[in-house]
């Protein structure tokens, strides 16, 4: 149901936030955060948590504002991008259903090289671990579903809430990891992976309907 003024329905905005939360999966990233910040003092770890969340939000806000322009520049149709983005999200979901972080989000080399980086909050935590290709694709695809200041403002607000959740989880990473344990985090990761798989399939189907209108008849 369209809401006018370029907005989509409220359930669609809720679906966007749920999809973005599942794809970014800040809870599943807590063990990685602990791993890469393990040698830092407490105050430095808190600063890293803050800047990782800020980097995630900024990267996704930039994708929101520039994504469609980039697609037009390269002559990529929304239908093609939906199919490609859906396949990417589906591949990530399959890894998460096995309680693993997809190598699309980060590689072992990036994690091993983290000590040589002065700003681990941005790389590899902010990107590609959190604001990776799947999250960026999701933001761009939902942004093009509507138009106008209110629509973009709601999408941006969802990104802001996600960044806040990420900061809170990273700031409390040691007690969160101790409370949930590896098993608890794996269960959450699998649930998020299932949601991601559904989102990926939906993107692929809607993209194919755009590219091949006969499928929608």
N, C-alpha and C. Protein backbone atom coordinates (compact mmCIF):
# COMPACT_ATOMS: atom_id res chain seq x y z
N UNK A 1 0.85 -1.19 0.00
CA UNK A 1 0.00 0.00 0.00
C UNK A 1 0.88 1.24 0.00
N UNK A 2 0.69 2.09 -0.99
CA UNK A 2 1.48 3.31 -1.06
C UNK A 2 0.92 4.37 -0.13
N UNK A 3 1.77 5.22 0.42
CA UNK A 3 1.34 6.21 1.40
C UNK A 3 1.34 7.62 0.83
N UNK A 4 1.72 7.78 -0.42
CA UNK A 4 1.76 9.10 -1.01
C UNK A 4 3.04 9.84 -0.66
N UNK A 5 3.26 10.96 -1.34
CA UNK A 5 4.45 11.80 -1.12
C UNK A 5 5.73 10.99 -1.25
N UNK A 6 5.71 9.93 -2.06
CA UNK A 6 6.91 9.16 -2.30
C UNK A 6 7.26 8.16 -1.23
N UNK A 7 6.38 7.99 -0.23
CA UNK A 7 6.67 7.06 0.86
C UNK A 7 6.11 5.68 0.54
N UNK A 8 6.76 4.65 1.11
CA UNK A 8 6.23 3.30 1.04
C UNK A 8 5.46 3.03 2.34
N UNK A 9 4.87 1.86 2.46
CA UNK A 9 4.06 1.57 3.64
C UNK A 9 4.93 1.40 4.88
N UNK A 10 4.35 1.64 6.05
CA UNK A 10 5.10 1.50 7.30
C UNK A 10 5.66 0.09 7.49
N UNK A 11 4.91 -0.97 7.15
CA UNK A 11 5.51 -2.31 7.27
C UNK A 11 6.76 -2.48 6.42
N UNK A 12 6.84 -1.77 5.29
CA UNK A 12 8.03 -1.85 4.46
C UNK A 12 9.24 -1.20 5.14
N UNK A 13 9.00 -0.11 5.85
CA UNK A 13 10.10 0.52 6.60
C UNK A 13 10.56 -0.39 7.73
N UNK A 14 9.58 -1.05 8.38
CA UNK A 14 9.94 -2.00 9.44
C UNK A 14 10.72 -3.17 8.85
N UNK A 15 10.31 -3.62 7.66
CA UNK A 15 11.02 -4.72 6.99
C UNK A 15 12.44 -4.29 6.62
N UNK A 16 12.59 -3.05 6.18
CA UNK A 16 13.93 -2.54 5.86
C UNK A 16 14.84 -2.61 7.07
N UNK A 17 14.33 -2.13 8.23
CA UNK A 17 15.17 -2.11 9.42
C UNK A 17 15.52 -3.53 9.86
N UNK A 18 14.53 -4.44 9.80
CA UNK A 18 14.80 -5.83 10.19
C UNK A 18 15.83 -6.46 9.26
N UNK A 19 15.71 -6.18 7.96
CA UNK A 19 16.65 -6.73 6.99
C UNK A 19 18.05 -6.18 7.23
N UNK A 20 18.14 -4.87 7.46
CA UNK A 20 19.46 -4.25 7.68
C UNK A 20 20.09 -4.76 8.97
N UNK A 21 19.28 -4.92 10.01
CA UNK A 21 19.79 -5.44 11.28
C UNK A 21 20.32 -6.86 11.11
N UNK A 22 19.58 -7.67 10.32
CA UNK A 22 20.01 -9.05 10.09
C UNK A 22 21.31 -9.10 9.29
N UNK A 23 21.42 -8.24 8.29
CA UNK A 23 22.59 -8.27 7.41
C UNK A 23 23.84 -7.73 8.13
N UNK A 24 23.69 -6.62 8.81
CA UNK A 24 24.83 -6.06 9.55
C UNK A 24 25.19 -6.96 10.73
N UNK A 25 24.16 -7.49 11.42
CA UNK A 25 24.33 -8.46 12.51
C UNK A 25 25.40 -8.03 13.51
N UNK A 26 25.21 -6.90 14.19
CA UNK A 26 26.24 -6.44 15.13
C UNK A 26 26.49 -7.41 16.28
N UNK A 27 25.46 -8.16 16.68
CA UNK A 27 25.67 -9.13 17.76
C UNK A 27 26.62 -10.23 17.32
N UNK A 28 26.46 -10.70 16.08
CA UNK A 28 27.36 -11.72 15.55
C UNK A 28 28.77 -11.22 15.38
N UNK A 29 28.92 -9.88 15.26
CA UNK A 29 30.26 -9.29 15.09
C UNK A 29 30.97 -9.05 16.41
N UNK A 30 30.26 -9.25 17.53
CA UNK A 30 30.88 -9.01 18.85
C UNK A 30 32.15 -9.83 19.06
N UNK A 31 32.17 -11.14 18.75
CA UNK A 31 33.41 -11.90 18.93
C UNK A 31 34.58 -11.35 18.10
N UNK A 32 34.28 -10.88 16.88
CA UNK A 32 35.33 -10.30 16.04
C UNK A 32 35.84 -9.01 16.67
N UNK A 33 34.93 -8.19 17.18
CA UNK A 33 35.32 -6.95 17.85
C UNK A 33 36.24 -7.25 19.04
N UNK A 34 35.86 -8.24 19.84
CA UNK A 34 36.69 -8.61 21.00
C UNK A 34 38.07 -9.08 20.54
N UNK A 35 38.08 -9.83 19.44
CA UNK A 35 39.34 -10.38 18.93
C UNK A 35 40.30 -9.27 18.48
N UNK A 36 39.78 -8.30 17.72
CA UNK A 36 40.67 -7.28 17.15
C UNK A 36 41.00 -6.17 18.14
N UNK A 37 40.25 -6.07 19.24
CA UNK A 37 40.53 -5.03 20.23
C UNK A 37 41.05 -5.62 21.55
N UNK A 38 41.37 -6.90 21.55
CA UNK A 38 41.75 -7.59 22.77
C UNK A 38 42.97 -7.00 23.47
N UNK A 39 43.89 -6.40 22.70
CA UNK A 39 45.12 -5.86 23.29
C UNK A 39 45.02 -4.38 23.65
N UNK A 40 43.84 -3.81 23.45
CA UNK A 40 43.67 -2.39 23.73
C UNK A 40 43.23 -2.17 25.18
N UNK A 41 43.61 -1.04 25.77
CA UNK A 41 43.08 -0.69 27.10
C UNK A 41 41.59 -0.38 27.01
N UNK A 42 40.91 -0.38 28.14
CA UNK A 42 39.45 -0.24 28.17
C UNK A 42 38.98 1.04 27.48
N UNK A 43 39.65 2.18 27.73
CA UNK A 43 39.20 3.44 27.13
C UNK A 43 39.37 3.43 25.62
N UNK A 44 40.44 2.81 25.12
CA UNK A 44 40.66 2.72 23.67
C UNK A 44 39.63 1.80 23.02
N UNK A 45 39.25 0.71 23.72
CA UNK A 45 38.25 -0.20 23.20
C UNK A 45 36.89 0.50 23.08
N UNK A 46 36.58 1.35 24.06
CA UNK A 46 35.32 2.10 24.01
C UNK A 46 35.33 3.10 22.86
N UNK A 47 36.48 3.76 22.65
CA UNK A 47 36.59 4.69 21.51
C UNK A 47 36.43 3.95 20.19
N UNK A 48 37.03 2.77 20.11
CA UNK A 48 36.92 1.98 18.88
C UNK A 48 35.47 1.58 18.63
N UNK A 49 34.76 1.21 19.69
CA UNK A 49 33.34 0.85 19.56
C UNK A 49 32.54 2.03 19.01
N UNK A 50 32.80 3.22 19.53
CA UNK A 50 32.08 4.41 19.07
C UNK A 50 32.37 4.69 17.61
N UNK A 51 33.66 4.69 17.22
CA UNK A 51 34.01 5.05 15.85
C UNK A 51 33.62 3.97 14.84
N UNK A 52 33.58 2.72 15.29
CA UNK A 52 33.09 1.65 14.39
C UNK A 52 31.61 1.86 14.08
N UNK A 53 30.84 2.25 15.10
CA UNK A 53 29.41 2.51 14.90
C UNK A 53 29.21 3.74 14.02
N UNK A 54 30.00 4.80 14.27
CA UNK A 54 29.90 6.01 13.47
C UNK A 54 30.27 5.72 12.01
N UNK A 55 31.34 4.97 11.81
CA UNK A 55 31.77 4.62 10.44
C UNK A 55 30.68 3.83 9.72
N UNK A 56 30.06 2.90 10.43
CA UNK A 56 28.98 2.11 9.83
C UNK A 56 27.84 3.01 9.37
N UNK A 57 27.42 3.91 10.26
CA UNK A 57 26.33 4.82 9.92
C UNK A 57 26.68 5.73 8.76
N UNK A 58 27.87 6.31 8.77
CA UNK A 58 28.27 7.24 7.72
C UNK A 58 28.35 6.54 6.36
N UNK A 59 28.94 5.35 6.34
CA UNK A 59 29.06 4.61 5.08
C UNK A 59 27.68 4.31 4.49
N UNK A 60 26.75 3.90 5.34
CA UNK A 60 25.41 3.57 4.85
C UNK A 60 24.63 4.83 4.47
N UNK A 61 24.85 5.94 5.18
CA UNK A 61 24.22 7.21 4.79
C UNK A 61 24.73 7.67 3.43
N UNK A 62 26.03 7.52 3.20
CA UNK A 62 26.59 7.89 1.90
C UNK A 62 25.98 7.02 0.80
N UNK A 63 25.82 5.72 1.07
CA UNK A 63 25.20 4.82 0.10
C UNK A 63 23.77 5.25 -0.18
N UNK A 64 23.06 5.69 0.85
CA UNK A 64 21.68 6.15 0.69
C UNK A 64 21.60 7.35 -0.24
N UNK A 65 22.52 8.29 -0.08
CA UNK A 65 22.47 9.54 -0.84
C UNK A 65 23.04 9.42 -2.24
N UNK A 66 23.99 8.51 -2.44
CA UNK A 66 24.70 8.46 -3.73
C UNK A 66 24.47 7.17 -4.52
N UNK A 67 23.83 6.18 -3.90
CA UNK A 67 23.72 4.87 -4.53
C UNK A 67 23.07 4.88 -5.90
N UNK A 68 21.91 5.53 -5.99
CA UNK A 68 21.20 5.54 -7.27
C UNK A 68 21.99 6.29 -8.34
N UNK A 69 22.66 7.36 -7.95
CA UNK A 69 23.47 8.12 -8.91
C UNK A 69 24.61 7.26 -9.44
N UNK A 70 25.22 6.45 -8.58
CA UNK A 70 26.30 5.56 -9.01
C UNK A 70 25.77 4.53 -10.00
N UNK A 71 24.58 3.98 -9.72
CA UNK A 71 23.99 3.01 -10.65
C UNK A 71 23.73 3.64 -12.02
N UNK A 72 23.20 4.87 -12.00
CA UNK A 72 22.95 5.55 -13.27
C UNK A 72 24.25 5.82 -14.02
N UNK A 73 25.30 6.19 -13.29
CA UNK A 73 26.59 6.49 -13.91
C UNK A 73 27.13 5.27 -14.65
N UNK A 74 26.99 4.10 -14.05
CA UNK A 74 27.49 2.87 -14.67
C UNK A 74 26.45 2.20 -15.56
N UNK A 75 25.28 2.79 -15.69
CA UNK A 75 24.25 2.24 -16.56
C UNK A 75 23.67 0.92 -16.07
N UNK A 76 23.60 0.75 -14.76
CA UNK A 76 23.08 -0.49 -14.17
C UNK A 76 21.62 -0.28 -13.81
N UNK A 77 20.75 -1.14 -14.30
CA UNK A 77 19.33 -1.02 -14.00
C UNK A 77 19.05 -1.50 -12.57
N UNK A 78 17.97 -1.00 -11.98
CA UNK A 78 17.59 -1.41 -10.64
C UNK A 78 17.27 -2.90 -10.62
N UNK A 79 16.66 -3.41 -11.70
CA UNK A 79 16.35 -4.84 -11.78
C UNK A 79 17.60 -5.69 -11.69
N UNK A 80 18.62 -5.32 -12.46
CA UNK A 80 19.88 -6.06 -12.43
C UNK A 80 20.54 -5.97 -11.07
N UNK A 81 20.49 -4.78 -10.46
CA UNK A 81 21.11 -4.60 -9.15
C UNK A 81 20.37 -5.41 -8.09
N UNK A 82 19.04 -5.50 -8.23
CA UNK A 82 18.27 -6.30 -7.28
C UNK A 82 18.68 -7.77 -7.35
N UNK A 83 18.81 -8.29 -8.56
CA UNK A 83 19.20 -9.69 -8.71
C UNK A 83 20.61 -9.90 -8.15
N UNK A 84 21.55 -9.03 -8.53
CA UNK A 84 22.92 -9.15 -8.03
C UNK A 84 23.00 -9.01 -6.52
N UNK A 85 22.31 -7.99 -5.99
CA UNK A 85 22.30 -7.79 -4.55
C UNK A 85 21.65 -8.95 -3.81
N UNK A 86 20.58 -9.50 -4.40
CA UNK A 86 19.90 -10.64 -3.79
C UNK A 86 20.78 -11.87 -3.72
N UNK A 87 21.54 -12.13 -4.79
CA UNK A 87 22.46 -13.27 -4.81
C UNK A 87 23.55 -13.08 -3.75
N UNK A 88 24.08 -11.86 -3.66
CA UNK A 88 25.11 -11.56 -2.66
C UNK A 88 24.59 -11.79 -1.24
N UNK A 89 23.40 -11.29 -0.95
CA UNK A 89 22.80 -11.45 0.37
C UNK A 89 22.52 -12.92 0.65
N UNK A 90 22.07 -13.66 -0.37
CA UNK A 90 21.78 -15.08 -0.19
C UNK A 90 23.05 -15.87 0.14
N UNK A 91 24.16 -15.53 -0.52
CA UNK A 91 25.44 -16.20 -0.22
C UNK A 91 25.88 -15.93 1.22
N UNK A 92 25.72 -14.68 1.66
CA UNK A 92 26.05 -14.34 3.03
C UNK A 92 25.15 -15.08 4.01
N UNK A 93 23.86 -15.21 3.66
CA UNK A 93 22.91 -15.89 4.53
C UNK A 93 23.27 -17.36 4.71
N UNK A 94 23.73 -17.99 3.63
CA UNK A 94 24.10 -19.41 3.72
C UNK A 94 25.24 -19.60 4.72
N UNK A 95 26.22 -18.68 4.69
CA UNK A 95 27.32 -18.75 5.67
C UNK A 95 26.79 -18.56 7.08
N UNK A 96 25.88 -17.61 7.26
CA UNK A 96 25.35 -17.34 8.59
C UNK A 96 24.49 -18.50 9.11
N UNK A 97 23.82 -19.22 8.22
CA UNK A 97 23.04 -20.38 8.65
C UNK A 97 23.93 -21.49 9.18
N UNK A 98 25.22 -21.42 8.81
CA UNK A 98 26.21 -22.34 9.36
C UNK A 98 26.97 -21.70 10.52
N UNK A 99 26.41 -20.57 11.03
CA UNK A 99 27.00 -19.83 12.15
C UNK A 99 28.41 -19.35 11.85
N UNK A 100 28.62 -18.90 10.60
CA UNK A 100 29.92 -18.37 10.20
C UNK A 100 29.72 -16.97 9.64
N UNK A 101 30.75 -16.11 9.81
CA UNK A 101 30.75 -14.81 9.17
C UNK A 101 31.25 -15.00 7.74
N UNK A 102 30.47 -14.52 6.78
CA UNK A 102 30.84 -14.73 5.39
C UNK A 102 32.15 -14.04 5.05
N UNK A 103 32.97 -14.69 4.19
CA UNK A 103 34.22 -14.08 3.74
C UNK A 103 33.96 -12.88 2.84
N UNK A 104 32.69 -12.71 2.38
CA UNK A 104 32.33 -11.51 1.62
C UNK A 104 32.47 -10.29 2.52
N UNK A 105 32.22 -10.46 3.82
CA UNK A 105 32.28 -9.35 4.76
C UNK A 105 33.71 -9.05 5.19
N UNK A 106 34.52 -10.08 5.38
CA UNK A 106 35.91 -9.86 5.74
C UNK A 106 36.70 -11.12 5.42
N UNK A 107 38.00 -10.98 5.30
CA UNK A 107 38.87 -12.12 5.06
C UNK A 107 39.81 -12.29 6.23
N UNK A 108 40.40 -13.46 6.35
CA UNK A 108 41.35 -13.72 7.42
C UNK A 108 42.55 -12.77 7.33
N UNK A 109 42.96 -12.45 6.09
CA UNK A 109 44.10 -11.54 5.92
C UNK A 109 43.80 -10.16 6.49
N UNK A 110 42.54 -9.70 6.31
CA UNK A 110 42.16 -8.39 6.85
C UNK A 110 42.22 -8.39 8.37
N UNK A 111 41.76 -9.49 8.98
CA UNK A 111 41.78 -9.57 10.44
C UNK A 111 43.21 -9.69 10.96
N UNK A 112 44.07 -10.44 10.26
CA UNK A 112 45.46 -10.59 10.70
C UNK A 112 46.22 -9.28 10.55
N UNK A 113 45.82 -8.46 9.59
CA UNK A 113 46.52 -7.21 9.31
C UNK A 113 46.03 -6.05 10.17
N UNK A 114 45.05 -6.33 11.04
CA UNK A 114 44.40 -5.25 11.77
C UNK A 114 45.37 -4.53 12.70
N UNK A 115 46.36 -5.23 13.25
CA UNK A 115 47.28 -4.58 14.18
C UNK A 115 48.15 -3.54 13.50
N UNK A 116 48.28 -3.67 12.18
CA UNK A 116 49.09 -2.71 11.43
C UNK A 116 48.30 -1.48 11.03
N UNK A 117 47.01 -1.46 11.33
CA UNK A 117 46.17 -0.35 10.93
C UNK A 117 45.95 0.59 12.11
N UNK A 118 46.02 1.89 11.85
CA UNK A 118 45.81 2.85 12.91
C UNK A 118 44.33 3.04 13.21
N UNK A 119 43.48 2.72 12.26
CA UNK A 119 42.06 2.97 12.44
C UNK A 119 41.27 1.70 12.19
N UNK A 120 41.40 0.73 13.09
CA UNK A 120 40.65 -0.52 12.94
C UNK A 120 39.16 -0.30 13.09
N UNK A 121 38.73 0.83 13.67
CA UNK A 121 37.31 1.11 13.80
C UNK A 121 36.65 1.24 12.43
N UNK A 122 37.38 1.80 11.47
CA UNK A 122 36.83 1.98 10.13
C UNK A 122 37.05 0.72 9.30
N UNK A 123 38.28 0.21 9.28
CA UNK A 123 38.62 -1.01 8.54
C UNK A 123 39.38 -1.94 9.49
N UNK A 124 38.93 -3.15 9.74
CA UNK A 124 37.85 -3.85 9.05
C UNK A 124 36.50 -3.81 9.75
N UNK A 125 36.37 -3.11 10.91
CA UNK A 125 35.11 -3.18 11.65
C UNK A 125 33.97 -2.45 10.95
N UNK A 126 34.16 -1.13 10.70
CA UNK A 126 33.09 -0.37 10.04
C UNK A 126 32.76 -0.93 8.68
N UNK A 127 33.79 -1.17 7.91
CA UNK A 127 33.65 -1.82 6.61
C UNK A 127 34.90 -2.66 6.36
N UNK A 128 34.79 -3.88 5.88
CA UNK A 128 33.58 -4.50 5.33
C UNK A 128 32.78 -5.35 6.31
N UNK A 129 33.19 -5.42 7.60
CA UNK A 129 32.51 -6.32 8.52
C UNK A 129 31.05 -5.94 8.73
N UNK A 130 30.79 -4.66 9.03
CA UNK A 130 29.42 -4.22 9.32
C UNK A 130 28.75 -3.63 8.08
N UNK A 131 29.24 -2.50 7.62
CA UNK A 131 28.67 -1.87 6.42
C UNK A 131 29.35 -2.45 5.19
N UNK A 132 29.04 -3.70 4.92
CA UNK A 132 29.63 -4.40 3.78
C UNK A 132 28.75 -4.32 2.55
N UNK A 133 29.08 -5.09 1.52
CA UNK A 133 28.31 -5.05 0.26
C UNK A 133 26.83 -5.36 0.43
N UNK A 134 26.52 -6.33 1.31
CA UNK A 134 25.12 -6.69 1.51
C UNK A 134 24.31 -5.56 2.11
N UNK A 135 24.86 -4.90 3.14
CA UNK A 135 24.16 -3.78 3.78
C UNK A 135 24.01 -2.61 2.82
N UNK A 136 25.07 -2.31 2.08
CA UNK A 136 25.03 -1.19 1.12
C UNK A 136 23.99 -1.47 0.04
N UNK A 137 23.95 -2.70 -0.46
CA UNK A 137 22.95 -3.07 -1.48
C UNK A 137 21.54 -2.90 -0.94
N UNK A 138 21.31 -3.33 0.29
CA UNK A 138 19.98 -3.23 0.89
C UNK A 138 19.53 -1.78 1.01
N UNK A 139 20.42 -0.91 1.46
CA UNK A 139 20.09 0.51 1.58
C UNK A 139 19.72 1.10 0.22
N UNK A 140 20.51 0.82 -0.79
CA UNK A 140 20.24 1.37 -2.13
C UNK A 140 18.91 0.86 -2.67
N UNK A 141 18.65 -0.43 -2.50
CA UNK A 141 17.44 -1.02 -3.06
C UNK A 141 16.18 -0.51 -2.36
N UNK A 142 16.23 -0.32 -1.06
CA UNK A 142 15.07 0.22 -0.37
C UNK A 142 14.92 1.71 -0.63
N UNK A 143 16.01 2.42 -0.81
CA UNK A 143 15.94 3.85 -1.09
C UNK A 143 15.19 4.12 -2.38
N UNK A 144 15.41 3.28 -3.41
CA UNK A 144 14.78 3.53 -4.71
C UNK A 144 13.29 3.17 -4.74
N UNK A 145 12.79 2.56 -3.67
CA UNK A 145 11.37 2.20 -3.63
C UNK A 145 10.46 3.41 -3.39
N UNK A 146 11.03 4.49 -2.90
CA UNK A 146 10.24 5.69 -2.64
C UNK A 146 11.02 6.93 -3.03
N UNK A 147 10.50 8.09 -2.66
CA UNK A 147 11.17 9.35 -2.98
C UNK A 147 10.74 10.40 -1.97
N UNK A 148 11.44 11.51 -1.98
CA UNK A 148 11.07 12.61 -1.11
C UNK A 148 11.85 12.61 0.19
N UNK A 149 11.81 13.77 0.85
CA UNK A 149 12.60 13.99 2.06
C UNK A 149 12.18 13.07 3.20
N UNK A 150 10.88 12.85 3.36
CA UNK A 150 10.41 12.01 4.46
C UNK A 150 10.87 10.56 4.26
N UNK A 151 10.76 10.06 3.05
CA UNK A 151 11.18 8.69 2.76
C UNK A 151 12.67 8.51 3.08
N UNK A 152 13.50 9.41 2.57
CA UNK A 152 14.94 9.29 2.82
C UNK A 152 15.25 9.52 4.29
N UNK A 153 14.48 10.40 4.94
CA UNK A 153 14.68 10.64 6.35
C UNK A 153 14.40 9.41 7.20
N UNK A 154 13.36 8.66 6.84
CA UNK A 154 13.03 7.44 7.58
C UNK A 154 14.09 6.35 7.37
N UNK A 155 14.58 6.24 6.14
CA UNK A 155 15.65 5.28 5.87
C UNK A 155 16.90 5.67 6.66
N UNK A 156 17.21 6.97 6.65
CA UNK A 156 18.39 7.46 7.39
C UNK A 156 18.22 7.25 8.89
N UNK A 157 17.00 7.42 9.40
CA UNK A 157 16.75 7.21 10.82
C UNK A 157 16.97 5.75 11.19
N UNK A 158 16.53 4.85 10.32
CA UNK A 158 16.76 3.42 10.56
C UNK A 158 18.24 3.10 10.64
N UNK A 159 19.02 3.70 9.76
CA UNK A 159 20.48 3.51 9.78
C UNK A 159 21.05 4.06 11.09
N UNK A 160 20.55 5.21 11.54
CA UNK A 160 21.02 5.80 12.78
C UNK A 160 20.74 4.91 13.99
N UNK A 161 19.54 4.33 14.03
CA UNK A 161 19.20 3.41 15.13
C UNK A 161 20.10 2.18 15.11
N UNK A 162 20.37 1.68 13.91
CA UNK A 162 21.27 0.54 13.78
C UNK A 162 22.67 0.87 14.30
N UNK A 163 23.17 2.06 13.95
CA UNK A 163 24.49 2.48 14.43
C UNK A 163 24.51 2.58 15.96
N UNK A 164 23.40 3.06 16.53
CA UNK A 164 23.30 3.16 17.99
C UNK A 164 23.34 1.78 18.65
N UNK A 165 22.59 0.83 18.08
CA UNK A 165 22.59 -0.54 18.59
C UNK A 165 23.99 -1.15 18.51
N UNK A 166 24.66 -0.89 17.38
CA UNK A 166 26.02 -1.40 17.20
C UNK A 166 26.96 -0.85 18.27
N UNK A 167 26.87 0.45 18.53
CA UNK A 167 27.72 1.08 19.55
C UNK A 167 27.46 0.47 20.93
N UNK A 168 26.19 0.30 21.28
CA UNK A 168 25.85 -0.25 22.60
C UNK A 168 26.37 -1.68 22.76
N UNK A 169 26.21 -2.49 21.70
CA UNK A 169 26.67 -3.88 21.77
C UNK A 169 28.19 -3.96 21.85
N UNK A 170 28.88 -3.16 21.06
CA UNK A 170 30.35 -3.18 21.08
C UNK A 170 30.89 -2.62 22.40
N UNK A 171 30.23 -1.60 22.91
CA UNK A 171 30.67 -1.01 24.18
C UNK A 171 30.57 -2.03 25.31
N UNK A 172 29.53 -2.87 25.23
CA UNK A 172 29.32 -3.89 26.27
C UNK A 172 29.74 -5.28 25.78
N UNK A 173 30.67 -5.32 24.83
CA UNK A 173 31.03 -6.58 24.16
C UNK A 173 31.44 -7.71 25.12
N UNK A 174 32.38 -7.49 26.05
CA UNK A 174 32.80 -8.61 26.92
C UNK A 174 31.66 -9.22 27.73
N UNK A 175 30.84 -8.40 28.45
CA UNK A 175 29.73 -9.03 29.18
C UNK A 175 28.68 -9.65 28.28
N UNK A 176 28.43 -9.05 27.11
CA UNK A 176 27.45 -9.63 26.18
C UNK A 176 27.92 -11.01 25.72
N UNK A 177 29.20 -11.10 25.32
CA UNK A 177 29.75 -12.37 24.87
C UNK A 177 29.75 -13.40 26.00
N UNK A 178 30.06 -12.96 27.23
CA UNK A 178 30.08 -13.89 28.37
C UNK A 178 28.68 -14.38 28.70
N UNK A 179 27.68 -13.48 28.59
CA UNK A 179 26.30 -13.85 28.93
C UNK A 179 25.71 -14.82 27.90
N UNK A 180 25.85 -14.49 26.63
CA UNK A 180 25.26 -15.32 25.58
C UNK A 180 26.10 -16.57 25.30
N UNK A 181 27.41 -16.43 25.40
CA UNK A 181 28.28 -17.55 25.05
C UNK A 181 28.33 -17.75 23.55
N UNK A 182 29.23 -18.62 23.13
CA UNK A 182 29.37 -18.89 21.71
C UNK A 182 28.09 -19.49 21.13
N UNK A 183 27.43 -20.36 21.91
CA UNK A 183 26.21 -21.01 21.43
C UNK A 183 25.10 -20.00 21.21
N UNK A 184 24.92 -19.08 22.17
CA UNK A 184 23.88 -18.08 22.05
C UNK A 184 24.08 -17.18 20.85
N UNK A 185 25.32 -16.76 20.63
CA UNK A 185 25.62 -15.90 19.48
C UNK A 185 25.39 -16.67 18.17
N UNK A 186 25.74 -17.95 18.16
CA UNK A 186 25.51 -18.77 16.97
C UNK A 186 24.03 -18.90 16.65
N UNK A 187 23.21 -19.06 17.69
CA UNK A 187 21.76 -19.17 17.48
C UNK A 187 21.22 -17.89 16.86
N UNK A 188 21.63 -16.73 17.41
CA UNK A 188 21.19 -15.45 16.86
C UNK A 188 21.67 -15.28 15.42
N UNK A 189 22.91 -15.68 15.16
CA UNK A 189 23.46 -15.57 13.81
C UNK A 189 22.66 -16.41 12.82
N UNK A 190 22.26 -17.60 13.22
CA UNK A 190 21.47 -18.46 12.34
C UNK A 190 20.08 -17.86 12.06
N UNK A 191 19.47 -17.27 13.10
CA UNK A 191 18.16 -16.63 12.91
C UNK A 191 18.29 -15.46 11.94
N UNK A 192 19.33 -14.65 12.13
CA UNK A 192 19.58 -13.53 11.23
C UNK A 192 19.85 -14.03 9.80
N UNK A 193 20.55 -15.15 9.69
CA UNK A 193 20.82 -15.73 8.38
C UNK A 193 19.55 -16.16 7.68
N UNK A 194 18.59 -16.68 8.44
CA UNK A 194 17.31 -17.09 7.84
C UNK A 194 16.55 -15.87 7.31
N UNK A 195 16.56 -14.78 8.10
CA UNK A 195 15.91 -13.55 7.65
C UNK A 195 16.61 -13.02 6.40
N UNK A 196 17.94 -13.06 6.40
CA UNK A 196 18.70 -12.61 5.24
C UNK A 196 18.38 -13.42 4.00
N UNK A 197 18.24 -14.73 4.16
CA UNK A 197 17.93 -15.59 3.01
C UNK A 197 16.60 -15.18 2.39
N UNK A 198 15.60 -14.91 3.25
CA UNK A 198 14.29 -14.48 2.74
C UNK A 198 14.39 -13.15 2.01
N UNK A 199 15.18 -12.22 2.56
CA UNK A 199 15.38 -10.91 1.92
C UNK A 199 16.07 -11.09 0.57
N UNK A 200 17.10 -11.93 0.53
CA UNK A 200 17.81 -12.18 -0.72
C UNK A 200 16.91 -12.75 -1.80
N UNK A 201 16.09 -13.73 -1.43
CA UNK A 201 15.17 -14.33 -2.40
C UNK A 201 14.17 -13.30 -2.90
N UNK A 202 13.67 -12.45 -1.99
CA UNK A 202 12.71 -11.41 -2.40
C UNK A 202 13.34 -10.44 -3.39
N UNK A 203 14.58 -10.04 -3.15
CA UNK A 203 15.27 -9.15 -4.08
C UNK A 203 15.44 -9.81 -5.44
N UNK A 204 15.84 -11.08 -5.45
CA UNK A 204 16.05 -11.78 -6.72
C UNK A 204 14.75 -11.89 -7.50
N UNK A 205 13.67 -12.27 -6.83
CA UNK A 205 12.38 -12.43 -7.51
C UNK A 205 11.88 -11.10 -8.07
N UNK A 206 11.95 -10.03 -7.25
CA UNK A 206 11.48 -8.72 -7.73
C UNK A 206 12.35 -8.21 -8.87
N UNK A 207 13.66 -8.49 -8.81
CA UNK A 207 14.55 -8.07 -9.89
C UNK A 207 14.26 -8.81 -11.18
N UNK A 208 14.03 -10.12 -11.08
CA UNK A 208 13.71 -10.91 -12.27
C UNK A 208 12.39 -10.46 -12.90
N UNK A 209 11.42 -10.07 -12.07
CA UNK A 209 10.14 -9.58 -12.60
C UNK A 209 10.32 -8.28 -13.36
N UNK A 210 11.28 -7.45 -12.90
CA UNK A 210 11.57 -6.21 -13.61
C UNK A 210 12.28 -6.49 -14.93
N UNK A 211 13.23 -7.41 -14.90
CA UNK A 211 14.00 -7.71 -16.11
C UNK A 211 13.19 -8.53 -17.11
N UNK A 212 12.33 -9.41 -16.58
CA UNK A 212 11.50 -10.29 -17.43
C UNK A 212 10.05 -10.12 -17.04
N UNK A 213 9.38 -9.07 -17.53
CA UNK A 213 8.00 -8.77 -17.12
C UNK A 213 7.04 -9.93 -17.29
N UNK A 214 7.35 -10.87 -18.21
CA UNK A 214 6.45 -12.00 -18.43
C UNK A 214 6.31 -12.85 -17.17
N UNK A 215 7.31 -12.80 -16.28
CA UNK A 215 7.26 -13.59 -15.04
C UNK A 215 6.22 -13.05 -14.08
N UNK A 216 5.88 -11.77 -14.21
CA UNK A 216 4.91 -11.17 -13.31
C UNK A 216 3.49 -11.28 -13.79
N UNK A 217 3.30 -11.82 -14.98
CA UNK A 217 1.95 -11.91 -15.54
C UNK A 217 1.24 -13.17 -15.07
